[in-house]
Amino acid sequence: MARTPTPLVIADLSSFARQLARALADSATPPSHLQFLNQIARAAGYRNLQALQAGAPQVAPAMAPGVSPSETAPVDAAPAPLTPLSDAARRALLQFDTAGRLQRWPAKYSVQRLILWPLWARFEPRRRYTEAEVNTVLKAANTFGDHVTLRRELVNHRLLARESDCSAYWKLPARPDDEARALMAAWRERQRQRNGARALAPEREAARAAFTQRLRASGPSSAGSSHPG
């Protein structure tokens, strides 16, 4: 019987590991197979396994026993490239700097609705935020200083909900469409590449410092051999 794989892209592996470890520590007994899958999905930011499967990109089903490899593509090949961005999604991605922060509020509605999804992704599911906490998240997510507009639009687009007196906010389990999913994947890939480059920076700096030290150590002896006394 063929099984359909569910790909899982983890934007922040460290955060994912912490949340999964916390969920396992809170379990009085070892989780069942289904419970463990739900814990993995929640650690990745989804409501449950069904939400993860609904939002995952389509992947060819795994081959059933006896099926010829020529009848279906292998599912353990290299990851598929990112989905091409629409014009609106491309413009939306340009609104963010390399650190993933929104640099301006776009004029076009088609771009406005898309740029809200990466902001929505910054909030944790099943957590109630005070208005001050929402403001803190959004201030860190933009560089143009208008977190009030971002907060209002997230509520207007039903990505965040709030109490009538604004005493509490929470992330709604919204489902992005294909265009928004492609944008979020490209936005996360940017962060992954930037974080990878930053992780390599100390190694490069250490190698540069070691090279400089070797040059300095070899300098006096070279000078002495070039200019004998």
N, C-alpha and C. Protein backbone atom coordinates (compact mmCIF):
# COMPACT_ATOMS: atom_id res chain seq x y z
N MET A 1 0.85 -1.19 0.00
CA MET A 1 0.00 0.00 0.00
C MET A 1 0.89 1.24 0.00
N ALA A 2 0.60 2.16 -0.92
CA ALA A 2 1.43 3.37 -1.04
C ALA A 2 1.15 4.32 0.11
N ARG A 3 2.20 4.98 0.58
CA ARG A 3 2.07 5.98 1.61
C ARG A 3 2.48 7.33 1.05
N THR A 4 1.78 8.38 1.44
CA THR A 4 2.13 9.71 0.98
C THR A 4 3.00 10.40 2.02
N PRO A 5 4.25 10.69 1.70
CA PRO A 5 5.14 11.35 2.67
C PRO A 5 4.65 12.76 2.98
N THR A 6 4.95 13.22 4.17
CA THR A 6 4.63 14.59 4.57
C THR A 6 5.93 15.33 4.83
N PRO A 7 6.38 16.18 3.89
CA PRO A 7 7.63 16.92 4.12
C PRO A 7 7.47 17.94 5.24
N LEU A 8 8.53 18.16 5.98
CA LEU A 8 8.52 19.10 7.10
C LEU A 8 9.73 20.00 7.00
N VAL A 9 9.49 21.30 6.80
CA VAL A 9 10.57 22.28 6.74
C VAL A 9 10.63 22.98 8.10
N ILE A 10 11.78 22.92 8.75
CA ILE A 10 11.96 23.51 10.08
C ILE A 10 12.80 24.76 9.94
N ALA A 11 12.16 25.92 10.17
CA ALA A 11 12.86 27.19 9.99
C ALA A 11 13.91 27.42 11.08
N ASP A 12 13.60 27.02 12.31
CA ASP A 12 14.52 27.22 13.44
C ASP A 12 14.67 25.90 14.17
N LEU A 13 15.72 25.16 13.85
CA LEU A 13 15.91 23.81 14.41
C LEU A 13 16.07 23.85 15.92
N SER A 14 16.75 24.86 16.43
CA SER A 14 16.97 24.95 17.88
C SER A 14 15.65 25.13 18.61
N SER A 15 14.79 26.03 18.12
CA SER A 15 13.49 26.26 18.74
C SER A 15 12.62 25.01 18.64
N PHE A 16 12.67 24.34 17.49
CA PHE A 16 11.90 23.11 17.30
C PHE A 16 12.32 22.06 18.33
N ALA A 17 13.63 21.88 18.50
CA ALA A 17 14.13 20.87 19.43
C ALA A 17 13.71 21.20 20.86
N ARG A 18 13.77 22.48 21.24
CA ARG A 18 13.39 22.86 22.60
C ARG A 18 11.92 22.57 22.86
N GLN A 19 11.05 22.94 21.89
CA GLN A 19 9.62 22.73 22.08
C GLN A 19 9.28 21.25 22.12
N LEU A 20 9.93 20.45 21.27
CA LEU A 20 9.66 19.02 21.26
C LEU A 20 10.14 18.38 22.57
N ALA A 21 11.31 18.79 23.04
CA ALA A 21 11.83 18.26 24.30
C ALA A 21 10.91 18.63 25.47
N ARG A 22 10.36 19.85 25.44
CA ARG A 22 9.45 20.28 26.50
C ARG A 22 8.17 19.44 26.49
N ALA A 23 7.66 19.17 25.27
CA ALA A 23 6.44 18.36 25.15
C ALA A 23 6.68 16.94 25.66
N LEU A 24 7.83 16.38 25.34
CA LEU A 24 8.13 15.02 25.80
C LEU A 24 8.33 14.98 27.31
N ALA A 25 8.93 16.03 27.85
CA ALA A 25 9.15 16.08 29.30
C ALA A 25 7.83 16.19 30.06
N ASP A 26 6.83 16.83 29.44
CA ASP A 26 5.53 17.00 30.09
C ASP A 26 4.68 15.74 30.02
N SER A 27 5.06 14.77 29.20
CA SER A 27 4.29 13.53 29.07
C SER A 27 4.58 12.60 30.25
N ALA A 28 3.50 12.17 30.89
CA ALA A 28 3.68 11.26 32.03
C ALA A 28 4.14 9.89 31.58
N THR A 29 3.70 9.49 30.39
CA THR A 29 4.09 8.20 29.82
C THR A 29 4.59 8.42 28.41
N PRO A 30 5.36 7.49 27.86
CA PRO A 30 5.83 7.65 26.48
C PRO A 30 4.64 7.83 25.54
N PRO A 31 4.69 8.78 24.62
CA PRO A 31 3.55 9.02 23.73
C PRO A 31 3.39 7.87 22.72
N SER A 32 2.14 7.70 22.29
CA SER A 32 1.88 6.75 21.22
C SER A 32 2.43 7.30 19.91
N HIS A 33 2.39 6.47 18.87
CA HIS A 33 2.89 6.91 17.56
C HIS A 33 2.16 8.17 17.10
N LEU A 34 0.82 8.17 17.19
CA LEU A 34 0.05 9.33 16.73
C LEU A 34 0.29 10.53 17.62
N GLN A 35 0.37 10.33 18.93
CA GLN A 35 0.65 11.44 19.84
C GLN A 35 2.01 12.07 19.55
N PHE A 36 3.00 11.24 19.24
CA PHE A 36 4.34 11.74 18.94
C PHE A 36 4.32 12.56 17.65
N LEU A 37 3.57 12.08 16.64
CA LEU A 37 3.46 12.84 15.39
C LEU A 37 2.81 14.20 15.64
N ASN A 38 1.79 14.23 16.49
CA ASN A 38 1.14 15.50 16.81
C ASN A 38 2.09 16.43 17.56
N GLN A 39 2.93 15.87 18.45
CA GLN A 39 3.91 16.69 19.18
C GLN A 39 4.94 17.28 18.21
N ILE A 40 5.37 16.50 17.23
CA ILE A 40 6.30 17.00 16.22
C ILE A 40 5.67 18.14 15.44
N ALA A 41 4.40 17.94 15.03
CA ALA A 41 3.70 18.98 14.27
C ALA A 41 3.57 20.26 15.08
N ARG A 42 3.21 20.13 16.36
CA ARG A 42 3.05 21.33 17.19
C ARG A 42 4.38 22.04 17.42
N ALA A 43 5.46 21.27 17.60
CA ALA A 43 6.78 21.88 17.79
C ALA A 43 7.21 22.65 16.55
N ALA A 44 6.70 22.24 15.38
CA ALA A 44 7.02 22.93 14.13
C ALA A 44 6.10 24.11 13.87
N GLY A 45 5.14 24.36 14.78
CA GLY A 45 4.28 25.54 14.65
C GLY A 45 2.90 25.26 14.09
N TYR A 46 2.55 23.99 13.93
CA TYR A 46 1.23 23.63 13.42
C TYR A 46 0.30 23.25 14.57
N ARG A 47 -1.01 23.33 14.30
CA ARG A 47 -1.98 23.01 15.34
C ARG A 47 -1.93 21.53 15.71
N ASN A 48 -1.81 20.68 14.71
CA ASN A 48 -1.73 19.23 14.93
C ASN A 48 -1.22 18.59 13.64
N LEU A 49 -1.18 17.26 13.61
CA LEU A 49 -0.67 16.56 12.44
C LEU A 49 -1.50 16.85 11.20
N GLN A 50 -2.82 16.92 11.36
CA GLN A 50 -3.68 17.19 10.21
C GLN A 50 -3.38 18.55 9.60
N ALA A 51 -3.13 19.56 10.45
CA ALA A 51 -2.80 20.89 9.94
C ALA A 51 -1.47 20.86 9.20
N LEU A 52 -0.50 20.09 9.72
CA LEU A 52 0.79 19.95 9.03
C LEU A 52 0.59 19.30 7.66
N GLN A 53 -0.19 18.23 7.61
CA GLN A 53 -0.41 17.54 6.34
C GLN A 53 -1.16 18.41 5.35
N ALA A 54 -2.10 19.22 5.86
CA ALA A 54 -2.87 20.09 4.97
C ALA A 54 -2.02 21.19 4.38
N GLY A 55 -1.04 21.68 5.16
CA GLY A 55 -0.22 22.79 4.68
C GLY A 55 1.06 22.37 4.01
N ALA A 56 1.36 21.06 3.97
CA ALA A 56 2.61 20.59 3.38
C ALA A 56 2.50 20.55 1.87
N PRO A 57 3.61 20.83 1.15
CA PRO A 57 3.60 20.69 -0.31
C PRO A 57 3.42 19.26 -0.72
N GLN A 58 2.84 19.06 -1.90
CA GLN A 58 2.58 17.71 -2.38
C GLN A 58 3.88 17.01 -2.78
N VAL A 59 4.01 15.75 -2.37
CA VAL A 59 5.17 14.93 -2.72
C VAL A 59 4.65 13.62 -3.28
N ALA A 60 5.35 13.06 -4.25
CA ALA A 60 4.91 11.81 -4.85
C ALA A 60 4.82 10.72 -3.79
N PRO A 61 3.78 9.85 -3.84
CA PRO A 61 3.65 8.78 -2.86
C PRO A 61 4.83 7.82 -2.92
N ALA A 62 5.16 7.20 -1.79
CA ALA A 62 6.23 6.21 -1.74
C ALA A 62 5.80 4.97 -2.51
N MET A 63 6.75 4.25 -3.06
CA MET A 63 6.43 3.07 -3.85
C MET A 63 5.96 1.93 -2.97
N ALA A 64 4.90 1.27 -3.39
CA ALA A 64 4.42 0.08 -2.71
C ALA A 64 5.31 -1.09 -3.11
N PRO A 65 5.36 -2.16 -2.28
CA PRO A 65 6.18 -3.32 -2.64
C PRO A 65 5.78 -3.87 -4.00
N GLY A 66 6.77 -4.18 -4.82
CA GLY A 66 6.50 -4.76 -6.13
C GLY A 66 6.31 -3.76 -7.24
N VAL A 67 6.30 -2.47 -6.91
CA VAL A 67 6.14 -1.45 -7.93
C VAL A 67 7.50 -1.13 -8.53
N SER A 68 7.55 -1.07 -9.83
CA SER A 68 8.81 -0.80 -10.52
C SER A 68 9.25 0.64 -10.29
N PRO A 69 10.55 0.88 -10.09
CA PRO A 69 11.01 2.26 -9.91
C PRO A 69 10.65 3.15 -11.07
N SER A 70 10.48 2.61 -12.27
CA SER A 70 10.15 3.43 -13.42
C SER A 70 8.71 3.92 -13.38
N GLU A 71 7.88 3.33 -12.49
CA GLU A 71 6.48 3.70 -12.43
C GLU A 71 6.23 4.93 -11.57
N THR A 72 7.19 5.30 -10.75
CA THR A 72 7.01 6.47 -9.90
C THR A 72 8.37 7.05 -9.56
N ALA A 73 8.42 8.32 -9.23
CA ALA A 73 9.68 8.98 -8.90
C ALA A 73 10.08 8.62 -7.49
N PRO A 74 11.38 8.47 -7.18
CA PRO A 74 11.81 8.18 -5.81
C PRO A 74 11.51 9.36 -4.91
N VAL A 75 11.06 9.08 -3.70
CA VAL A 75 10.68 10.16 -2.79
C VAL A 75 11.85 10.61 -1.92
N ASP A 76 12.96 9.86 -1.93
CA ASP A 76 14.07 10.25 -1.08
C ASP A 76 15.17 10.94 -1.89
N ALA A 77 14.79 11.50 -3.03
CA ALA A 77 15.74 12.25 -3.84
C ALA A 77 16.00 13.59 -3.16
N ALA A 78 16.82 14.42 -3.80
CA ALA A 78 17.12 15.73 -3.25
C ALA A 78 15.85 16.55 -3.11
N PRO A 79 15.78 17.45 -2.10
CA PRO A 79 14.57 18.25 -1.91
C PRO A 79 14.23 19.04 -3.17
N ALA A 80 12.93 19.17 -3.41
CA ALA A 80 12.47 19.92 -4.58
C ALA A 80 12.81 21.40 -4.40
N PRO A 81 13.07 22.11 -5.49
CA PRO A 81 13.35 23.53 -5.38
C PRO A 81 12.13 24.29 -4.89
N LEU A 82 12.36 25.50 -4.40
CA LEU A 82 11.26 26.32 -3.91
C LEU A 82 10.28 26.60 -5.04
N THR A 83 9.00 26.67 -4.68
CA THR A 83 7.97 26.99 -5.66
C THR A 83 8.22 28.38 -6.22
N PRO A 84 8.13 28.54 -7.55
CA PRO A 84 8.33 29.87 -8.12
C PRO A 84 7.36 30.88 -7.52
N LEU A 85 7.83 32.08 -7.30
CA LEU A 85 6.99 33.12 -6.71
C LEU A 85 6.18 33.83 -7.78
N SER A 86 4.96 34.18 -7.45
CA SER A 86 4.15 35.02 -8.31
C SER A 86 4.72 36.44 -8.29
N ASP A 87 4.24 37.30 -9.18
CA ASP A 87 4.72 38.69 -9.19
C ASP A 87 4.44 39.37 -7.85
N ALA A 88 3.25 39.14 -7.31
CA ALA A 88 2.90 39.77 -6.03
C ALA A 88 3.77 39.23 -4.91
N ALA A 89 4.03 37.93 -4.91
CA ALA A 89 4.87 37.34 -3.87
C ALA A 89 6.31 37.83 -3.99
N ARG A 90 6.77 38.02 -5.22
CA ARG A 90 8.12 38.55 -5.43
C ARG A 90 8.22 39.97 -4.86
N ARG A 91 7.20 40.78 -5.14
CA ARG A 91 7.19 42.14 -4.60
C ARG A 91 7.10 42.12 -3.08
N ALA A 92 6.33 41.16 -2.55
CA ALA A 92 6.20 41.05 -1.11
C ALA A 92 7.55 40.70 -0.46
N LEU A 93 8.29 39.79 -1.08
CA LEU A 93 9.59 39.39 -0.53
C LEU A 93 10.55 40.57 -0.51
N LEU A 94 10.45 41.44 -1.49
CA LEU A 94 11.32 42.61 -1.56
C LEU A 94 11.05 43.62 -0.45
N GLN A 95 9.90 43.49 0.21
CA GLN A 95 9.59 44.41 1.30
C GLN A 95 10.38 44.08 2.57
N PHE A 96 11.00 42.89 2.61
CA PHE A 96 11.74 42.45 3.79
C PHE A 96 13.25 42.62 3.57
N ASP A 97 13.95 42.97 4.64
CA ASP A 97 15.41 43.04 4.53
C ASP A 97 16.00 41.65 4.73
N THR A 98 17.32 41.55 4.68
CA THR A 98 17.96 40.23 4.76
C THR A 98 17.78 39.58 6.13
N ALA A 99 17.42 40.38 7.14
CA ALA A 99 17.16 39.83 8.48
C ALA A 99 15.71 39.40 8.63
N GLY A 100 14.91 39.52 7.57
CA GLY A 100 13.51 39.11 7.63
C GLY A 100 12.58 40.15 8.20
N ARG A 101 13.05 41.40 8.35
CA ARG A 101 12.21 42.47 8.91
C ARG A 101 11.54 43.25 7.79
N LEU A 102 10.29 43.60 8.02
CA LEU A 102 9.53 44.37 7.04
C LEU A 102 10.05 45.81 7.01
N GLN A 103 10.34 46.31 5.81
CA GLN A 103 10.96 47.64 5.69
C GLN A 103 9.96 48.75 5.40
N ARG A 104 8.77 48.39 4.91
CA ARG A 104 7.76 49.40 4.56
C ARG A 104 6.40 48.73 4.48
N TRP A 105 5.35 49.54 4.57
CA TRP A 105 4.00 49.03 4.36
C TRP A 105 3.65 49.24 2.89
N PRO A 106 3.46 48.17 2.11
CA PRO A 106 3.24 48.32 0.67
C PRO A 106 1.89 48.98 0.36
N ALA A 107 1.82 49.58 -0.82
CA ALA A 107 0.60 50.29 -1.23
C ALA A 107 -0.45 49.34 -1.79
N LYS A 108 -0.02 48.29 -2.47
CA LYS A 108 -0.97 47.39 -3.13
C LYS A 108 -1.53 46.36 -2.16
N TYR A 109 -2.84 46.17 -2.24
CA TYR A 109 -3.49 45.20 -1.34
C TYR A 109 -2.98 43.79 -1.59
N SER A 110 -2.73 43.45 -2.86
CA SER A 110 -2.27 42.09 -3.18
C SER A 110 -0.95 41.78 -2.50
N VAL A 111 -0.13 42.81 -2.28
CA VAL A 111 1.16 42.63 -1.58
C VAL A 111 0.96 42.72 -0.07
N GLN A 112 0.07 43.61 0.37
CA GLN A 112 -0.20 43.76 1.79
C GLN A 112 -0.63 42.43 2.42
N ARG A 113 -1.57 41.74 1.76
CA ARG A 113 -2.11 40.52 2.35
C ARG A 113 -1.04 39.44 2.45
N LEU A 114 -0.05 39.48 1.54
CA LEU A 114 1.01 38.47 1.56
C LEU A 114 2.05 38.74 2.63
N ILE A 115 2.41 40.01 2.82
CA ILE A 115 3.49 40.31 3.78
C ILE A 115 3.06 40.03 5.21
N LEU A 116 1.74 39.87 5.44
CA LEU A 116 1.28 39.57 6.79
C LEU A 116 1.60 38.14 7.22
N TRP A 117 1.76 37.23 6.26
CA TRP A 117 1.99 35.83 6.62
C TRP A 117 3.32 35.61 7.33
N PRO A 118 4.45 36.17 6.86
CA PRO A 118 5.69 36.02 7.64
C PRO A 118 5.59 36.64 9.03
N LEU A 119 4.78 37.71 9.17
CA LEU A 119 4.57 38.28 10.51
C LEU A 119 3.78 37.31 11.38
N TRP A 120 2.75 36.72 10.80
CA TRP A 120 1.93 35.72 11.51
C TRP A 120 2.80 34.55 11.98
N ALA A 121 3.79 34.18 11.15
CA ALA A 121 4.65 33.04 11.49
C ALA A 121 5.52 33.32 12.71
N ARG A 122 5.69 34.56 13.09
CA ARG A 122 6.54 34.91 14.24
C ARG A 122 5.83 34.63 15.58
N PHE A 123 4.52 34.43 15.54
CA PHE A 123 3.78 34.20 16.78
C PHE A 123 3.65 32.71 17.06
N GLU A 124 3.65 32.37 18.33
CA GLU A 124 3.54 30.97 18.74
C GLU A 124 2.08 30.56 18.81
N PRO A 125 1.75 29.35 18.37
CA PRO A 125 0.38 28.87 18.49
C PRO A 125 0.04 28.56 19.94
N ARG A 126 -1.26 28.63 20.25
CA ARG A 126 -1.79 28.26 21.57
C ARG A 126 -1.20 29.10 22.70
N ARG A 127 -0.75 30.30 22.39
CA ARG A 127 -0.25 31.20 23.43
C ARG A 127 -1.07 32.48 23.42
N ARG A 128 -1.42 32.97 24.57
CA ARG A 128 -2.14 34.24 24.68
C ARG A 128 -1.11 35.34 24.97
N TYR A 129 -1.17 36.39 24.18
CA TYR A 129 -0.25 37.52 24.29
C TYR A 129 -0.98 38.74 24.85
N THR A 130 -0.29 39.51 25.64
CA THR A 130 -0.80 40.84 25.98
C THR A 130 -0.55 41.75 24.78
N GLU A 131 -1.20 42.90 24.77
CA GLU A 131 -0.97 43.84 23.67
C GLU A 131 0.48 44.29 23.65
N ALA A 132 1.06 44.46 24.83
CA ALA A 132 2.47 44.88 24.89
C ALA A 132 3.38 43.81 24.28
N GLU A 133 3.05 42.53 24.50
CA GLU A 133 3.86 41.45 23.94
C GLU A 133 3.71 41.38 22.42
N VAL A 134 2.50 41.60 21.93
CA VAL A 134 2.29 41.65 20.48
C VAL A 134 3.12 42.79 19.88
N ASN A 135 3.09 43.94 20.55
CA ASN A 135 3.86 45.09 20.07
C ASN A 135 5.36 44.78 20.04
N THR A 136 5.84 44.07 21.03
CA THR A 136 7.26 43.71 21.08
C THR A 136 7.64 42.84 19.88
N VAL A 137 6.81 41.85 19.58
CA VAL A 137 7.07 40.98 18.44
C VAL A 137 7.08 41.79 17.14
N LEU A 138 6.10 42.66 16.98
CA LEU A 138 5.97 43.40 15.73
C LEU A 138 7.02 44.51 15.60
N LYS A 139 7.44 45.08 16.71
CA LYS A 139 8.51 46.09 16.64
C LYS A 139 9.81 45.45 16.16
N ALA A 140 10.06 44.22 16.61
CA ALA A 140 11.26 43.50 16.17
C ALA A 140 11.14 43.03 14.73
N ALA A 141 9.91 42.99 14.20
CA ALA A 141 9.68 42.44 12.87
C ALA A 141 9.64 43.51 11.79
N ASN A 142 9.77 44.79 12.16
CA ASN A 142 9.74 45.84 11.13
C ASN A 142 10.77 46.91 11.44
N THR A 143 11.13 47.66 10.41
CA THR A 143 12.14 48.71 10.57
C THR A 143 11.56 50.11 10.34
N PHE A 144 10.26 50.21 10.01
CA PHE A 144 9.70 51.53 9.68
C PHE A 144 8.86 52.11 10.82
N GLY A 145 8.79 51.39 11.96
CA GLY A 145 8.24 51.96 13.17
C GLY A 145 6.73 52.09 13.25
N ASP A 146 5.98 51.21 12.56
CA ASP A 146 4.52 51.30 12.64
C ASP A 146 3.93 49.95 13.01
N HIS A 147 4.20 49.52 14.23
CA HIS A 147 3.66 48.23 14.68
C HIS A 147 2.15 48.26 14.86
N VAL A 148 1.59 49.45 15.05
CA VAL A 148 0.14 49.57 15.26
C VAL A 148 -0.61 49.15 14.00
N THR A 149 -0.15 49.61 12.84
CA THR A 149 -0.78 49.20 11.57
C THR A 149 -0.65 47.70 11.38
N LEU A 150 0.51 47.15 11.66
CA LEU A 150 0.71 45.71 11.48
C LEU A 150 -0.20 44.91 12.41
N ARG A 151 -0.33 45.36 13.64
CA ARG A 151 -1.19 44.65 14.59
C ARG A 151 -2.65 44.70 14.12
N ARG A 152 -3.09 45.87 13.69
CA ARG A 152 -4.48 46.02 13.23
C ARG A 152 -4.76 45.16 12.00
N GLU A 153 -3.81 45.15 11.06
CA GLU A 153 -4.04 44.40 9.83
C GLU A 153 -4.02 42.89 10.07
N LEU A 154 -3.19 42.44 10.99
CA LEU A 154 -3.19 41.01 11.33
C LEU A 154 -4.55 40.58 11.89
N VAL A 155 -5.16 41.46 12.67
CA VAL A 155 -6.49 41.18 13.21
C VAL A 155 -7.54 41.27 12.10
N ASN A 156 -7.45 42.30 11.26
CA ASN A 156 -8.42 42.47 10.18
C ASN A 156 -8.41 41.30 9.19
N HIS A 157 -7.23 40.72 8.97
CA HIS A 157 -7.11 39.59 8.05
C HIS A 157 -7.31 38.24 8.75
N ARG A 158 -7.72 38.30 10.01
CA ARG A 158 -8.03 37.09 10.79
C ARG A 158 -6.82 36.15 10.89
N LEU A 159 -5.67 36.75 11.09
CA LEU A 159 -4.46 35.99 11.39
C LEU A 159 -4.18 36.02 12.89
N LEU A 160 -4.60 37.10 13.53
CA LEU A 160 -4.61 37.20 14.99
C LEU A 160 -6.04 37.50 15.44
N ALA A 161 -6.39 37.04 16.63
CA ALA A 161 -7.66 37.39 17.25
C ALA A 161 -7.37 38.08 18.56
N ARG A 162 -8.36 38.81 19.08
CA ARG A 162 -8.15 39.51 20.34
C ARG A 162 -9.46 39.61 21.11
N GLU A 163 -9.31 39.81 22.42
CA GLU A 163 -10.48 40.06 23.24
C GLU A 163 -11.04 41.45 22.90
N SER A 164 -12.31 41.66 23.18
CA SER A 164 -12.94 42.93 22.83
C SER A 164 -12.30 44.12 23.53
N ASP A 165 -11.72 43.88 24.71
CA ASP A 165 -11.05 44.97 25.42
C ASP A 165 -9.54 45.01 25.15
N CYS A 166 -9.08 44.21 24.18
CA CYS A 166 -7.66 44.15 23.78
C CYS A 166 -6.76 43.65 24.91
N SER A 167 -7.33 42.93 25.85
CA SER A 167 -6.53 42.43 26.98
C SER A 167 -5.69 41.22 26.59
N ALA A 168 -6.06 40.56 25.52
CA ALA A 168 -5.31 39.36 25.10
C ALA A 168 -5.44 39.17 23.60
N TYR A 169 -4.36 38.67 23.01
CA TYR A 169 -4.31 38.34 21.58
C TYR A 169 -3.84 36.90 21.45
N TRP A 170 -4.21 36.26 20.34
CA TRP A 170 -3.70 34.92 20.08
C TRP A 170 -3.68 34.66 18.58
N LYS A 171 -2.79 33.76 18.20
CA LYS A 171 -2.60 33.40 16.79
C LYS A 171 -3.72 32.47 16.34
N LEU A 172 -4.36 32.79 15.23
CA LEU A 172 -5.41 31.94 14.69
C LEU A 172 -4.80 30.86 13.79
N PRO A 173 -5.39 29.67 13.77
CA PRO A 173 -4.86 28.58 12.92
C PRO A 173 -5.25 28.76 11.46
N ALA A 174 -4.76 29.82 10.86
CA ALA A 174 -5.09 30.12 9.47
C ALA A 174 -4.30 29.22 8.53
N ARG A 175 -4.79 29.08 7.30
CA ARG A 175 -4.11 28.26 6.31
C ARG A 175 -3.75 29.12 5.10
N PRO A 176 -2.46 29.34 4.86
CA PRO A 176 -2.06 30.17 3.71
C PRO A 176 -2.36 29.48 2.39
N ASP A 177 -2.65 30.28 1.38
CA ASP A 177 -2.85 29.70 0.05
C ASP A 177 -1.49 29.42 -0.59
N ASP A 178 -1.51 28.90 -1.81
CA ASP A 178 -0.26 28.51 -2.48
C ASP A 178 0.69 29.69 -2.62
N GLU A 179 0.14 30.85 -2.96
CA GLU A 179 0.97 32.04 -3.17
C GLU A 179 1.66 32.45 -1.87
N ALA A 180 0.90 32.43 -0.77
CA ALA A 180 1.47 32.80 0.53
C ALA A 180 2.46 31.76 1.02
N ARG A 181 2.18 30.48 0.77
CA ARG A 181 3.12 29.42 1.19
C ARG A 181 4.45 29.56 0.46
N ALA A 182 4.39 29.89 -0.83
CA ALA A 182 5.63 30.06 -1.59
C ALA A 182 6.44 31.23 -1.03
N LEU A 183 5.75 32.32 -0.69
CA LEU A 183 6.44 33.47 -0.10
C LEU A 183 7.09 33.10 1.23
N MET A 184 6.35 32.40 2.09
CA MET A 184 6.90 32.04 3.40
C MET A 184 8.10 31.11 3.27
N ALA A 185 8.04 30.19 2.30
CA ALA A 185 9.17 29.29 2.09
C ALA A 185 10.40 30.08 1.64
N ALA A 186 10.21 31.04 0.74
CA ALA A 186 11.33 31.86 0.26
C ALA A 186 11.86 32.74 1.39
N TRP A 187 10.96 33.27 2.21
CA TRP A 187 11.36 34.12 3.35
C TRP A 187 12.17 33.32 4.36
N ARG A 188 11.73 32.09 4.64
CA ARG A 188 12.47 31.23 5.58
C ARG A 188 13.81 30.80 5.01
N GLU A 189 13.85 30.53 3.71
CA GLU A 189 15.11 30.12 3.09
C GLU A 189 16.12 31.25 3.19
N ARG A 190 15.68 32.48 3.03
CA ARG A 190 16.56 33.63 3.21
C ARG A 190 17.16 33.66 4.61
N GLN A 191 16.31 33.42 5.61
CA GLN A 191 16.80 33.42 6.99
C GLN A 191 17.78 32.28 7.22
N ARG A 192 17.47 31.12 6.62
CA ARG A 192 18.36 29.97 6.78
C ARG A 192 19.73 30.27 6.20
N GLN A 193 19.76 30.87 5.01
CA GLN A 193 21.03 31.19 4.38
C GLN A 193 21.79 32.24 5.19
N ARG A 194 21.07 33.23 5.69
CA ARG A 194 21.72 34.28 6.48
C ARG A 194 22.28 33.70 7.77
N ASN A 195 21.49 32.85 8.44
CA ASN A 195 21.96 32.24 9.68
C ASN A 195 23.16 31.33 9.44
N GLY A 196 23.15 30.64 8.29
CA GLY A 196 24.28 29.79 7.95
C GLY A 196 25.55 30.60 7.74
N ALA A 197 25.39 31.75 7.05
CA ALA A 197 26.55 32.62 6.83
C ALA A 197 27.07 33.19 8.14
N ARG A 198 26.15 33.54 9.05
CA ARG A 198 26.57 34.09 10.34
C ARG A 198 27.26 33.03 11.18
N ALA A 199 26.80 31.79 11.06
CA ALA A 199 27.43 30.70 11.82
C ALA A 199 28.85 30.46 11.36
N LEU A 200 29.10 30.66 10.06
CA LEU A 200 30.44 30.45 9.52
C LEU A 200 31.39 31.61 9.84
N ALA A 201 30.83 32.77 10.15
CA ALA A 201 31.66 33.97 10.34
C ALA A 201 32.74 33.78 11.41
N PRO A 202 32.42 33.22 12.61
CA PRO A 202 33.49 33.03 13.62
C PRO A 202 34.62 32.14 13.13
N GLU A 203 34.27 31.09 12.35
CA GLU A 203 35.30 30.20 11.82
C GLU A 203 36.21 30.96 10.85
N ARG A 204 35.58 31.76 10.00
CA ARG A 204 36.38 32.54 9.05
C ARG A 204 37.27 33.53 9.78
N GLU A 205 36.72 34.17 10.83
CA GLU A 205 37.49 35.15 11.58
C GLU A 205 38.66 34.46 12.30
N ALA A 206 38.42 33.27 12.83
CA ALA A 206 39.49 32.53 13.51
C ALA A 206 40.58 32.14 12.52
N ALA A 207 40.18 31.71 11.32
CA ALA A 207 41.16 31.34 10.30
C ALA A 207 41.97 32.56 9.87
N ARG A 208 41.29 33.71 9.76
CA ARG A 208 41.99 34.94 9.37
C ARG A 208 42.99 35.35 10.45
N ALA A 209 42.55 35.23 11.73
CA ALA A 209 43.43 35.60 12.83
C ALA A 209 44.65 34.68 12.89
N ALA A 210 44.44 33.37 12.66
CA ALA A 210 45.55 32.42 12.68
C ALA A 210 46.52 32.71 11.55
N PHE A 211 45.98 33.05 10.37
CA PHE A 211 46.84 33.37 9.23
C PHE A 211 47.67 34.62 9.52
N THR A 212 47.01 35.65 10.10
CA THR A 212 47.72 36.88 10.44
C THR A 212 48.82 36.61 11.47
N GLN A 213 48.51 35.75 12.43
CA GLN A 213 49.50 35.43 13.47
C GLN A 213 50.71 34.72 12.86
N ARG A 214 50.45 33.81 11.90
CA ARG A 214 51.56 33.12 11.26
C ARG A 214 52.43 34.09 10.46
N LEU A 215 51.79 35.05 9.81
CA LEU A 215 52.55 36.05 9.06
C LEU A 215 53.44 36.86 9.99
N ARG A 216 52.87 37.26 11.13
CA ARG A 216 53.65 38.05 12.08
C ARG A 216 54.80 37.24 12.66
N ALA A 217 54.54 35.96 12.91
CA ALA A 217 55.58 35.10 13.49
C ALA A 217 56.73 34.87 12.51
N SER A 218 56.39 34.81 11.21
CA SER A 218 57.43 34.58 10.22
C SER A 218 58.12 35.85 9.76
N GLY A 219 57.56 37.01 10.11
CA GLY A 219 58.11 38.29 9.64
C GLY A 219 59.54 38.56 10.07
N PRO A 220 59.86 38.53 11.37
CA PRO A 220 61.22 38.87 11.81
C PRO A 220 62.29 37.96 11.23
N SER A 221 62.02 36.64 11.15
CA SER A 221 63.05 35.75 10.62
C SER A 221 63.28 36.02 9.15
N SER A 222 62.16 36.33 8.42
CA SER A 222 62.31 36.64 7.00
C SER A 222 63.12 37.91 6.81
N ALA A 223 62.82 38.91 7.70
CA ALA A 223 63.55 40.16 7.58
C ALA A 223 65.02 39.95 7.87
N GLY A 224 65.35 39.09 8.85
CA GLY A 224 66.74 38.87 9.18
C GLY A 224 67.48 38.18 8.08
N SER A 225 66.85 37.25 7.38
CA SER A 225 67.53 36.55 6.30
C SER A 225 67.71 37.42 5.10
N SER A 226 66.81 38.42 4.94
CA SER A 226 66.93 39.30 3.78
C SER A 226 67.98 40.36 3.99
N HIS A 227 68.21 40.74 5.26
CA HIS A 227 69.18 41.82 5.55
C HIS A 227 70.17 41.33 6.59
N PRO A 228 71.12 40.54 6.19
CA PRO A 228 72.10 40.02 7.14
C PRO A 228 72.90 41.12 7.80
N GLY A 229 73.25 40.95 9.05
CA GLY A 229 74.00 41.99 9.75
C GLY A 229 75.42 41.91 9.38
